[in-house]
């Protein structure tokens, strides 16, 4: 498979997979802060944002699977290490009809590896902790203190091997440097109409530019 299993004494690096990374649930409209008497009190963040001191608050935390995205040179000295959350693949990729056969899975994974830069595929592996197909969600970024994570290396369940890590690093870079554009912008009016007809399922979301009207 595409995973390796370092012992706890091996330093943390990009591509390391951890269980139990805390994901905070924050609301900016209703923050539960603690008073001097340690009593919870509801507040709005815009009423707190000008304070020049730390604010004690009650925050919901969910332990999640996550993968290190901090570069190797920074995992040994940066104050914090960044992760992206790992979730079941169809929690990340919304499909009306999931693939049912190996052939359809291959077609799905090949197409989305090119078309969709928002996630990275992770195949199932019981040893690393994946009972089903999973995906790295590049839109869900978490951070934890590096010094404290170093003391919790036992939470690391595995890491990407060399081939997978090189692919992961490139996909991660592509996601953060991607340029959003509508692929139909250079089409002529006739080409645009043909494109919209080919994209009938999404036709209502396809808006022509002035030169295509």
Protein backbone atom coordinates (compact mmCIF):
# COMPACT_ATOMS: atom_id res chain seq x y z
CA UNK A 1 0.00 0.00 0.00
CA UNK A 2 1.06 3.67 -0.01
CA UNK A 3 1.77 3.97 3.72
CA UNK A 4 4.78 3.55 5.98
CA UNK A 5 4.76 3.10 9.74
CA UNK A 6 7.52 5.01 11.55
CA UNK A 7 8.28 4.32 15.19
CA UNK A 8 7.48 7.08 17.73
CA UNK A 9 11.12 8.21 17.90
CA UNK A 10 11.15 9.20 14.19
CA UNK A 11 10.74 13.01 13.72
CA UNK A 12 7.46 14.41 12.42
CA UNK A 13 7.38 15.38 8.75
CA UNK A 14 4.95 16.33 6.00
CA UNK A 15 2.68 13.43 5.07
CA UNK A 16 2.46 12.06 8.62
CA UNK A 17 -1.04 10.85 9.51
CA UNK A 18 -2.36 11.43 13.04
CA UNK A 19 -5.50 10.41 14.86
CA UNK A 20 -7.10 12.54 17.57
CA UNK A 21 -6.12 15.99 16.29
CA UNK A 22 -8.50 18.56 17.86
CA UNK A 23 -10.89 20.37 15.50
CA UNK A 24 -12.52 23.40 17.12
CA UNK A 25 -16.14 24.39 16.53
CA UNK A 26 -16.23 28.18 16.62
CA UNK A 27 -19.08 30.62 16.22
CA UNK A 28 -18.46 34.33 15.72
CA UNK A 29 -22.06 35.27 16.50
CA UNK A 30 -22.35 33.45 19.83
CA UNK A 31 -19.13 32.98 21.80
CA UNK A 32 -19.26 31.39 25.25
CA UNK A 33 -16.66 33.25 27.29
CA UNK A 34 -15.73 32.70 30.92
CA UNK A 35 -16.18 35.49 33.45
CA UNK A 36 -13.75 36.18 36.29
CA UNK A 37 -15.91 33.82 38.35
CA UNK A 38 -15.41 31.10 35.70
CA UNK A 39 -19.07 31.29 34.74
CA UNK A 40 -19.99 30.97 31.01
CA UNK A 41 -21.39 34.09 29.41
CA UNK A 42 -22.70 34.49 25.85
CA UNK A 43 -21.14 37.24 23.73
CA UNK A 44 -20.59 38.25 20.11
CA UNK A 45 -17.10 38.22 18.68
CA UNK A 46 -17.39 41.75 17.28
CA UNK A 47 -17.85 42.92 20.88
CA UNK A 48 -14.66 41.10 21.92
CA UNK A 49 -12.36 41.59 18.94
CA UNK A 50 -10.78 44.84 20.22
CA UNK A 51 -9.54 43.32 23.46
CA UNK A 52 -5.75 43.31 23.83
CA UNK A 53 -5.60 40.29 26.12
CA UNK A 54 -6.34 36.57 25.82
CA UNK A 55 -10.00 35.62 26.20
CA UNK A 56 -11.03 32.48 28.08
CA UNK A 57 -13.84 30.72 26.25
CA UNK A 58 -15.67 27.41 26.09
CA UNK A 59 -15.00 25.75 22.73
CA UNK A 60 -16.24 22.43 21.39
CA UNK A 61 -13.44 20.12 20.24
CA UNK A 62 -13.77 17.06 18.01
CA UNK A 63 -10.87 14.57 17.64
CA UNK A 64 -10.29 13.95 13.92
CA UNK A 65 -7.86 12.17 11.61
CA UNK A 66 -5.49 14.62 9.93
CA UNK A 67 -2.30 14.78 7.86
CA UNK A 68 0.68 17.10 8.31
CA UNK A 69 0.98 19.75 5.57
CA UNK A 70 3.80 21.80 7.16
CA UNK A 71 7.00 21.47 5.11
CA UNK A 72 9.72 19.22 6.49
CA UNK A 73 12.12 22.11 7.15
CA UNK A 74 9.50 23.75 9.41
CA UNK A 75 8.31 20.67 11.30
CA UNK A 76 11.52 20.78 13.36
CA UNK A 77 11.34 24.44 14.44
CA UNK A 78 8.03 26.16 13.62
CA UNK A 79 5.92 27.05 16.70
CA UNK A 80 2.89 25.34 15.17
CA UNK A 81 2.30 22.43 12.80
CA UNK A 82 -0.51 22.63 10.27
CA UNK A 83 -2.74 19.73 9.31
CA UNK A 84 -5.51 19.08 6.82
CA UNK A 85 -8.46 17.04 8.01
CA UNK A 86 -8.99 13.49 6.66
CA UNK A 87 -12.61 12.44 6.10
CA UNK A 88 -14.52 9.65 4.33
CA UNK A 89 -14.23 10.32 0.62
CA UNK A 90 -17.94 10.93 0.06
CA UNK A 91 -18.05 13.45 2.91
CA UNK A 92 -15.59 15.46 0.81
CA UNK A 93 -16.75 14.62 -2.72
CA UNK A 94 -20.51 14.81 -3.19
CA UNK A 95 -21.80 12.24 -5.68
CA UNK A 96 -25.38 11.27 -6.39
CA UNK A 97 -24.28 7.77 -7.45
CA UNK A 98 -21.01 6.47 -5.97
CA UNK A 99 -18.97 3.99 -8.04
CA UNK A 100 -20.00 0.36 -7.60
CA UNK A 101 -17.37 -1.58 -9.54
CA UNK A 102 -13.54 -1.50 -9.67
CA UNK A 103 -13.72 -0.15 -13.24
CA UNK A 104 -15.98 2.73 -12.18
CA UNK A 105 -13.75 3.45 -9.19
CA UNK A 106 -10.71 3.66 -11.44
CA UNK A 107 -12.52 6.02 -13.82
CA UNK A 108 -13.73 8.19 -10.91
CA UNK A 109 -10.31 8.44 -9.28
CA UNK A 110 -8.50 9.16 -12.56
CA UNK A 111 -10.92 11.92 -13.58
CA UNK A 112 -11.03 13.62 -10.21
CA UNK A 113 -7.25 13.44 -9.79
CA UNK A 114 -7.08 15.86 -12.72
CA UNK A 115 -10.27 17.89 -12.34
CA UNK A 116 -10.62 18.38 -8.60
CA UNK A 117 -7.72 19.91 -6.67
CA UNK A 118 -9.58 20.27 -3.37
CA UNK A 119 -8.78 16.80 -2.03
CA UNK A 120 -6.25 13.96 -2.07
CA UNK A 121 -7.25 10.31 -2.18
CA UNK A 122 -6.21 7.90 0.58
CA UNK A 123 -6.98 4.19 0.03
CA UNK A 124 -8.26 2.04 2.92
CA UNK A 125 -5.73 0.40 5.21
CA UNK A 126 -6.61 -1.06 8.59
CA UNK A 127 -3.12 -0.53 10.01
CA UNK A 128 -3.19 3.21 9.35
CA UNK A 129 -6.78 3.44 10.62
CA UNK A 130 -8.83 3.70 7.42
CA UNK A 131 -11.60 1.15 7.15
CA UNK A 132 -12.95 2.85 4.01
CA UNK A 133 -11.68 5.08 1.23
CA UNK A 134 -10.71 8.48 2.65
CA UNK A 135 -9.73 11.91 1.36
CA UNK A 136 -7.59 14.77 2.61
CA UNK A 137 -9.78 17.88 2.63
CA UNK A 138 -7.47 20.77 1.70
CA UNK A 139 -10.20 23.24 2.73
CA UNK A 140 -10.15 22.10 6.36
CA UNK A 141 -6.89 23.30 7.96
CA UNK A 142 -5.99 22.72 11.63
CA UNK A 143 -3.02 23.89 13.70
CA UNK A 144 -1.47 22.55 16.89
CA UNK A 145 1.60 23.53 18.95
CA UNK A 146 4.68 21.69 17.64
CA UNK A 147 6.37 21.18 21.04
CA UNK A 148 3.26 19.55 22.48
CA UNK A 149 2.65 17.42 19.39
CA UNK A 150 6.20 16.10 19.69
CA UNK A 151 5.15 14.59 23.02
CA UNK A 152 2.16 12.88 21.38
CA UNK A 153 3.85 11.04 18.52
CA UNK A 154 2.01 7.93 19.67
CA UNK A 155 -1.03 9.48 17.95
CA UNK A 156 0.73 9.06 14.58
CA UNK A 157 -0.75 6.06 12.79
CA UNK A 158 1.44 6.16 9.69
CA UNK A 159 2.81 8.34 6.93
CA UNK A 160 2.78 8.51 3.14
CA UNK A 161 5.55 6.59 1.41
CA UNK A 162 7.97 8.36 -0.95
CA UNK A 163 5.84 8.03 -4.10
CA UNK A 164 2.63 9.14 -2.39
CA UNK A 165 4.36 11.94 -0.48
CA UNK A 166 5.75 13.48 -3.68
CA UNK A 167 2.28 13.37 -5.23
CA UNK A 168 0.70 14.79 -2.08
CA UNK A 169 3.19 17.67 -1.95
CA UNK A 170 2.45 18.60 -5.57
CA UNK A 171 -1.34 18.38 -5.12
CA UNK A 172 -1.11 20.53 -2.00
CA UNK A 173 0.92 23.15 -3.88
CA UNK A 174 -1.52 23.10 -6.79
CA UNK A 175 -4.45 23.71 -4.44
CA UNK A 176 -2.90 26.76 -2.78
CA UNK A 177 -1.59 28.33 -6.00
CA UNK A 178 -4.65 27.57 -8.17
CA UNK A 179 -6.20 30.40 -10.12
CA UNK A 180 -10.02 30.41 -10.21
CA UNK A 181 -11.39 30.93 -13.70
CA UNK A 182 -14.34 29.94 -15.86
CA UNK A 183 -13.06 27.53 -18.46
CA UNK A 184 -15.51 28.83 -21.07
CA UNK A 185 -14.29 32.45 -21.07
CA UNK A 186 -12.29 32.24 -24.40
CA UNK A 187 -15.09 30.55 -26.37
CA UNK A 188 -16.88 32.26 -29.23
CA UNK A 189 -20.67 32.60 -29.07
CA UNK A 190 -21.15 29.41 -31.11
CA UNK A 191 -18.55 27.51 -29.05
CA UNK A 192 -20.17 28.73 -25.83
CA UNK A 193 -23.60 27.45 -26.87
CA UNK A 194 -22.08 24.06 -27.70
CA UNK A 195 -20.30 24.02 -24.34
CA UNK A 196 -23.50 24.86 -22.44
CA UNK A 197 -25.36 22.10 -24.28
CA UNK A 198 -22.64 19.60 -23.31
CA UNK A 199 -22.91 20.75 -19.68
CA UNK A 200 -26.68 20.43 -19.41
CA UNK A 201 -26.61 19.29 -15.76
CA UNK A 202 -24.98 22.59 -14.74
CA UNK A 203 -26.43 24.83 -17.46
CA UNK A 204 -28.21 27.15 -15.03
CA UNK A 205 -24.86 28.04 -13.41
CA UNK A 206 -23.08 28.83 -16.68
CA UNK A 207 -23.25 32.56 -17.44
CA UNK A 208 -22.03 33.88 -20.79
CA UNK A 209 -19.61 36.78 -21.09
CA UNK A 210 -20.60 39.82 -23.12
CA UNK A 211 -18.88 38.55 -26.29
CA UNK A 212 -20.85 35.30 -26.01
CA UNK A 213 -24.35 36.81 -25.80
